[in-house]
Amino acid sequence: MNSSIMQYITSFFEGRVRIRHPELRKSGCEEQIWALLGQIPGILTLTVEPKTGSLLLEYDPKVLPTNRLLELAEQWSAAHPV
């Protein structure tokens, strides 16, 4: 993985992750995130705060393994280089 999402993760607990990424400040970003993650089983809530460039994601680790969630976040980050 070329673009490491790990540098943007500010809080991580099983079932909950917060990511701060400059691209999250852009208009329309929430729709892109929902398009990527919204239909994936195990995603419980997605909250994007454009003012802070923050994404709070709550998920069920029994349904969506953490490593798969990080792969999806990595794909998004790679498609949105800073």
Foldseek 3Di string as FASTA:
>chain_A
DPQQQVVQWPDDDVQKTKGADLVLLDPPVVVVCCVQPVVQAFWDDWDGDNVRRMIMTGGHCVRPPPVNVSVSVRVVPVVPDD
